[in-house]
């Protein structure tokens, strides 16, 4: 009998701390900062509603985190934590009050190492980080592969790949335990991705996470302007307004936005920064955004 294969971490010690205690502390700090930012945003919205007519003030309160429904999906960045960790914390802070409800996570990102046609998934029984192993729901993957010919198991695409891995410590800190469905989304029609995701949008115990950065290696001002346009397209659920150079996870984002629009969901921008704001120079920056859909 073949022993189960574990997908090892590829970027522990480079993108994030390989010491479990320090890693957990760092992730908790990012999420806590995101929660503080959300509370401040709610306070600002409430203050803006003071003196407004009652219906408008009510709308502002409903837009705040305290009254927000459980997220059906998130978009979070996937760079080294010193660069994108604060923005990822803003995304996962939206999940904190609903963590006990989540038992399954569909996690999608772009392949950086190997071109993929359709969607690639893994034959691994678990993905490992310094915080432990996350079990992969291979039974559900079997059913999805049987239903959707655009999905294939392609372990070579996951070798050295970071976009799935860097999301896992955030999920491990927030969720007591969960099953993982990992996908690398390559060249594929957005409607096909939406079709795969649809049952998980409906499921009460599932969360969809898209792992993506925004613009790459533009100067600070140009990146800010482009990322702002991309963020508005994401918020308004308009995937046709997002070109591949605007987000490395454009294919996965397009699939999610197509589904969210069909479900008449609401998208919200939680954070928008770039590496020039967090830890890098401003001549060549990478953009990071945090978004939630419910």
Protein backbone atom coordinates (compact mmCIF):
# COMPACT_ATOMS: atom_id res chain seq x y z
CA UNK A 1 0.00 0.00 0.00
CA UNK A 2 1.41 3.36 -1.01
CA UNK A 3 2.01 5.71 1.90
CA UNK A 4 0.21 9.07 1.84
CA UNK A 5 2.15 11.89 0.19
CA UNK A 6 2.56 15.14 2.08
CA UNK A 7 3.09 18.40 0.19
CA UNK A 8 6.03 20.01 2.03
CA UNK A 9 6.37 23.75 2.54
CA UNK A 10 8.41 25.43 -0.18
CA UNK A 11 8.92 28.93 1.25
CA UNK A 12 9.02 28.49 5.03
CA UNK A 13 11.97 30.47 6.33
CA UNK A 14 11.86 32.77 3.28
CA UNK A 15 8.33 34.10 2.85
CA UNK A 16 7.45 33.58 6.52
CA UNK A 17 9.07 32.43 9.76
CA UNK A 18 9.71 28.69 9.97
CA UNK A 19 9.53 28.72 13.77
CA UNK A 20 5.96 27.69 14.70
CA UNK A 21 5.64 29.97 17.73
CA UNK A 22 6.98 33.04 15.96
CA UNK A 23 4.90 32.27 12.86
CA UNK A 24 1.69 31.93 14.87
CA UNK A 25 2.44 35.14 16.74
CA UNK A 26 3.09 37.02 13.50
CA UNK A 27 -0.12 35.80 11.87
CA UNK A 28 -2.15 36.63 14.97
CA UNK A 29 -0.64 40.10 14.89
CA UNK A 30 -1.59 40.64 11.25
CA UNK A 31 -5.18 39.54 11.92
CA UNK A 32 -5.45 41.67 15.07
CA UNK A 33 -4.23 44.70 13.12
CA UNK A 34 -6.83 43.95 10.47
CA UNK A 35 -9.55 43.82 13.12
CA UNK A 36 -8.42 47.17 14.53
CA UNK A 37 -8.51 48.65 11.06
CA UNK A 38 -12.03 47.28 10.51
CA UNK A 39 -13.23 48.76 13.81
CA UNK A 40 -11.76 52.12 12.85
CA UNK A 41 -13.45 51.93 9.47
CA UNK A 42 -16.79 51.22 11.17
CA UNK A 43 -16.27 54.13 13.57
CA UNK A 44 -15.46 56.44 10.65
CA UNK A 45 -18.57 55.29 8.78
CA UNK A 46 -20.73 55.78 11.86
CA UNK A 47 -19.30 59.26 12.42
CA UNK A 48 -19.91 60.10 8.78
CA UNK A 49 -23.54 59.12 9.32
CA UNK A 50 -24.05 61.47 12.27
CA UNK A 51 -26.46 64.19 11.24
CA UNK A 52 -27.47 62.27 8.11
CA UNK A 53 -31.04 61.15 7.61
CA UNK A 54 -31.92 57.94 9.43
CA UNK A 55 -32.04 55.64 6.39
CA UNK A 56 -28.57 56.71 5.28
CA UNK A 57 -27.13 56.29 8.78
CA UNK A 58 -28.64 52.81 8.85
CA UNK A 59 -26.93 51.93 5.59
CA UNK A 60 -23.61 53.04 7.01
CA UNK A 61 -24.02 50.88 10.08
CA UNK A 62 -24.92 47.88 7.91
CA UNK A 63 -21.72 48.38 5.92
CA UNK A 64 -19.60 47.92 9.04
CA UNK A 65 -17.84 44.76 10.09
CA UNK A 66 -19.98 44.20 13.19
CA UNK A 67 -23.13 43.66 11.12
CA UNK A 68 -21.46 41.88 8.21
CA UNK A 69 -22.74 38.42 7.22
CA UNK A 70 -20.41 35.45 7.03
CA UNK A 71 -18.01 35.81 4.10
CA UNK A 72 -18.60 33.40 1.24
CA UNK A 73 -15.24 34.26 -0.30
CA UNK A 74 -12.05 36.24 0.23
CA UNK A 75 -9.23 37.49 -1.96
CA UNK A 76 -5.88 37.81 -0.17
CA UNK A 77 -2.29 38.46 -1.35
CA UNK A 78 0.48 35.89 -1.31
CA UNK A 79 3.87 37.60 -1.11
CA UNK A 80 6.37 37.32 1.72
CA UNK A 81 4.70 38.27 4.98
CA UNK A 82 6.90 41.31 5.55
CA UNK A 83 5.43 42.74 2.35
CA UNK A 84 1.83 41.45 2.13
CA UNK A 85 1.12 40.04 5.59
CA UNK A 86 -0.60 43.21 6.86
CA UNK A 87 -2.99 43.21 3.89
CA UNK A 88 -3.67 39.48 4.18
CA UNK A 89 -4.47 40.14 7.84
CA UNK A 90 -7.16 42.58 6.74
CA UNK A 91 -8.76 39.88 4.59
CA UNK A 92 -8.72 37.19 7.26
CA UNK A 93 -9.93 39.56 9.97
CA UNK A 94 -13.29 39.51 8.16
CA UNK A 95 -13.47 35.79 8.86
CA UNK A 96 -12.57 35.90 12.56
CA UNK A 97 -16.13 36.09 13.92
CA UNK A 98 -17.25 33.19 11.70
CA UNK A 99 -14.26 30.85 11.99
CA UNK A 100 -16.17 28.16 13.87
CA UNK A 101 -18.55 27.76 10.94
CA UNK A 102 -15.87 26.89 8.38
CA UNK A 103 -14.88 23.25 7.85
CA UNK A 104 -13.80 23.26 4.21
CA UNK A 105 -11.70 25.77 2.25
CA UNK A 106 -11.48 25.94 -1.53
CA UNK A 107 -8.18 27.69 -2.18
CA UNK A 108 -7.29 28.90 -5.66
CA UNK A 109 -4.24 30.69 -6.98
CA UNK A 110 -2.11 31.18 -10.09
CA UNK A 111 0.65 28.77 -11.11
CA UNK A 112 4.00 30.52 -10.90
CA UNK A 113 6.27 27.58 -11.71
CA UNK A 114 4.57 25.55 -14.45
CA UNK A 115 2.00 26.58 -17.07
CA UNK A 116 -1.40 25.01 -16.48
CA UNK A 117 -4.25 24.47 -18.91
CA UNK A 118 -7.50 24.40 -16.97
CA UNK A 119 -7.17 23.80 -13.25
CA UNK A 120 -4.50 21.72 -11.53
CA UNK A 121 -4.99 20.03 -8.19
CA UNK A 122 -2.79 17.86 -6.01
CA UNK A 123 -2.66 14.17 -5.15
CA UNK A 124 -1.19 14.97 -1.72
CA UNK A 125 -3.08 13.77 1.33
CA UNK A 126 -2.08 16.93 3.20
CA UNK A 127 -0.24 20.24 2.83
CA UNK A 128 2.29 20.97 5.54
CA UNK A 129 3.44 24.22 7.14
CA UNK A 130 5.39 24.81 10.35
CA UNK A 131 1.99 24.93 12.11
CA UNK A 132 1.14 21.35 11.10
CA UNK A 133 -0.61 19.46 8.34
CA UNK A 134 -3.82 20.47 6.57
CA UNK A 135 -5.73 17.46 5.18
CA UNK A 136 -6.70 17.53 1.51
CA UNK A 137 -10.24 16.32 0.76
CA UNK A 138 -9.31 13.83 -1.94
CA UNK A 139 -12.78 12.25 -2.01
CA UNK A 140 -14.33 15.57 -3.01
CA UNK A 141 -11.54 16.14 -5.53
CA UNK A 142 -12.32 12.74 -7.08
CA UNK A 143 -15.94 13.80 -7.58
CA UNK A 144 -14.97 17.17 -9.02
CA UNK A 145 -12.51 15.62 -11.49
CA UNK A 146 -15.20 13.19 -12.63
CA UNK A 147 -17.62 16.09 -13.21
CA UNK A 148 -15.26 18.70 -14.67
CA UNK A 149 -12.76 17.63 -17.37
CA UNK A 150 -10.91 20.93 -16.99
CA UNK A 151 -9.53 19.72 -13.62
CA UNK A 152 -6.45 17.49 -13.54
CA UNK A 153 -4.11 16.26 -10.86
CA UNK A 154 -0.73 17.78 -11.66
CA UNK A 155 1.66 17.53 -8.74
CA UNK A 156 4.52 19.06 -10.73
CA UNK A 157 2.68 22.39 -10.75
CA UNK A 158 2.71 22.48 -6.93
CA UNK A 159 6.45 21.82 -6.60
CA UNK A 160 7.96 25.02 -5.23
CA UNK A 161 4.64 26.87 -5.59
CA UNK A 162 3.93 29.47 -2.89
CA UNK A 163 0.48 30.92 -3.61
CA UNK A 164 -1.43 28.14 -1.81
CA UNK A 165 1.12 27.67 0.96
CA UNK A 166 1.30 31.25 2.23
CA UNK A 167 -2.47 31.34 2.87
CA UNK A 168 -2.42 28.23 5.05
CA UNK A 169 -0.92 29.66 8.28
CA UNK A 170 -3.66 32.31 8.36
CA UNK A 171 -6.29 29.60 7.99
CA UNK A 172 -4.56 27.36 10.53
CA UNK A 173 -4.51 30.13 13.12
CA UNK A 174 -8.17 31.05 12.57
CA UNK A 175 -9.79 27.66 12.02
CA UNK A 176 -9.54 24.79 14.48
CA UNK A 177 -9.45 22.26 11.65
CA UNK A 178 -10.53 22.25 8.05
CA UNK A 179 -10.32 20.27 4.84
CA UNK A 180 -8.48 21.77 1.89
CA UNK A 181 -9.33 21.75 -1.82
CA UNK A 182 -6.27 23.30 -3.56
CA UNK A 183 -6.36 24.51 -7.16
CA UNK A 184 -3.92 26.29 -9.45
CA UNK A 185 -5.95 28.11 -12.07
CA UNK A 186 -4.33 28.47 -15.46
CA UNK A 187 -5.82 29.11 -18.89
CA UNK A 188 -9.54 28.53 -18.46
CA UNK A 189 -12.85 30.23 -19.06
CA UNK A 190 -14.21 32.15 -16.08
CA UNK A 191 -17.59 30.44 -16.40
CA UNK A 192 -15.94 27.04 -15.97
CA UNK A 193 -14.25 28.17 -12.76
CA UNK A 194 -17.54 29.62 -11.51
CA UNK A 195 -19.28 26.31 -12.21
CA UNK A 196 -16.76 24.45 -10.08
CA UNK A 197 -17.05 26.95 -7.23
CA UNK A 198 -20.85 27.22 -7.19
CA UNK A 199 -21.61 24.30 -4.81
CA UNK A 200 -19.10 25.63 -2.29
CA UNK A 201 -20.65 29.10 -2.36
CA UNK A 202 -23.93 27.50 -1.33
CA UNK A 203 -22.44 25.22 1.33
CA UNK A 204 -22.79 26.55 4.89
CA UNK A 205 -19.46 25.09 6.02
CA UNK A 206 -17.30 26.19 3.06
CA UNK A 207 -15.14 29.19 2.28
CA UNK A 208 -13.62 30.17 -1.07
CA UNK A 209 -10.24 31.93 -0.98
CA UNK A 210 -8.48 33.35 -4.03
CA UNK A 211 -4.76 33.97 -3.59
CA UNK A 212 -3.57 36.86 -5.74
CA UNK A 213 -1.37 39.92 -5.77
CA UNK A 214 -2.18 42.94 -7.95
CA UNK A 215 0.17 44.91 -10.26
CA UNK A 216 3.85 43.99 -10.43
CA UNK A 217 6.99 46.15 -10.60
CA UNK A 218 5.47 49.50 -11.50
CA UNK A 219 6.50 52.73 -9.81
CA UNK A 220 4.50 53.66 -6.72
CA UNK A 221 2.14 56.23 -8.23
CA UNK A 222 1.40 54.18 -11.35
CA UNK A 223 0.73 51.10 -9.25
CA UNK A 224 -1.60 53.00 -6.95
CA UNK A 225 -3.69 54.23 -9.86
CA UNK A 226 -3.87 50.86 -11.60
CA UNK A 227 -4.57 48.93 -8.39
CA UNK A 228 -7.36 51.36 -7.52
CA UNK A 229 -9.04 50.62 -10.86
CA UNK A 230 -8.58 46.89 -10.34
CA UNK A 231 -10.03 47.11 -6.84
CA UNK A 232 -13.10 48.95 -8.06
CA UNK A 233 -13.64 46.29 -10.74
CA UNK A 234 -13.36 43.59 -8.07
CA UNK A 235 -15.76 45.40 -5.74
CA UNK A 236 -18.28 45.95 -8.53
CA UNK A 237 -17.96 42.31 -9.72
CA UNK A 238 -16.71 43.19 -13.21
CA UNK A 239 -14.09 40.56 -14.18
CA UNK A 240 -14.06 41.78 -17.78
CA UNK A 241 -12.35 44.97 -16.56
CA UNK A 242 -9.34 43.11 -15.13
CA UNK A 243 -6.47 42.22 -17.46
CA UNK A 244 -3.85 39.57 -16.61
CA UNK A 245 -1.21 42.24 -15.90
CA UNK A 246 -3.47 43.76 -13.22
CA UNK A 247 -3.51 40.65 -11.01
CA UNK A 248 -1.45 37.48 -11.20
CA UNK A 249 -4.53 35.51 -10.09
CA UNK A 250 -6.74 37.08 -12.76
CA UNK A 251 -8.16 33.74 -13.97
CA UNK A 252 -9.20 32.68 -10.47
CA UNK A 253 -10.52 36.16 -9.67
CA UNK A 254 -12.57 36.18 -12.89
CA UNK A 255 -14.18 32.87 -11.95
CA UNK A 256 -15.02 34.07 -8.46
CA UNK A 257 -16.44 37.40 -9.65
CA UNK A 258 -18.53 35.64 -12.30
CA UNK A 259 -20.08 33.47 -9.60
CA UNK A 260 -20.49 36.35 -7.14
CA UNK A 261 -22.29 38.43 -9.76
CA UNK A 262 -24.62 35.52 -10.59
CA UNK A 263 -25.41 35.23 -6.88
CA UNK A 264 -26.01 39.00 -6.60
CA UNK A 265 -23.32 39.18 -3.93
CA UNK A 266 -21.75 42.26 -2.42
CA UNK A 267 -18.03 42.84 -2.77
CA UNK A 268 -16.09 45.03 -0.34
CA UNK A 269 -12.57 46.41 -0.42
CA UNK A 270 -10.98 45.86 2.98
CA UNK A 271 -7.44 47.03 2.29
CA UNK A 272 -5.33 48.27 -0.61
CA UNK A 273 -1.61 48.86 -0.32
CA UNK A 274 1.62 47.94 -2.05
CA UNK A 275 5.11 46.93 -1.07
CA UNK A 276 6.12 50.59 -1.01
CA UNK A 277 3.70 51.06 1.89
CA UNK A 278 4.80 48.02 3.87
CA UNK A 279 8.46 47.15 3.55
CA UNK A 280 9.98 47.96 0.18
CA UNK A 281 11.27 50.77 -2.04
CA UNK A 282 8.87 52.75 -4.20
CA UNK A 283 10.51 52.56 -7.60
CA UNK A 284 9.32 48.99 -8.28
CA UNK A 285 6.37 47.86 -6.18
CA UNK A 286 3.88 44.98 -6.03
CA UNK A 287 0.25 45.71 -5.24
CA UNK A 288 -1.79 43.92 -2.57
CA UNK A 289 -5.53 44.02 -1.95
CA UNK A 290 -7.94 42.41 0.51
CA UNK A 291 -11.54 41.79 -0.50
CA UNK A 292 -14.58 40.02 0.93
CA UNK A 293 -17.76 38.77 -0.72
CA UNK A 294 -21.06 37.92 0.90
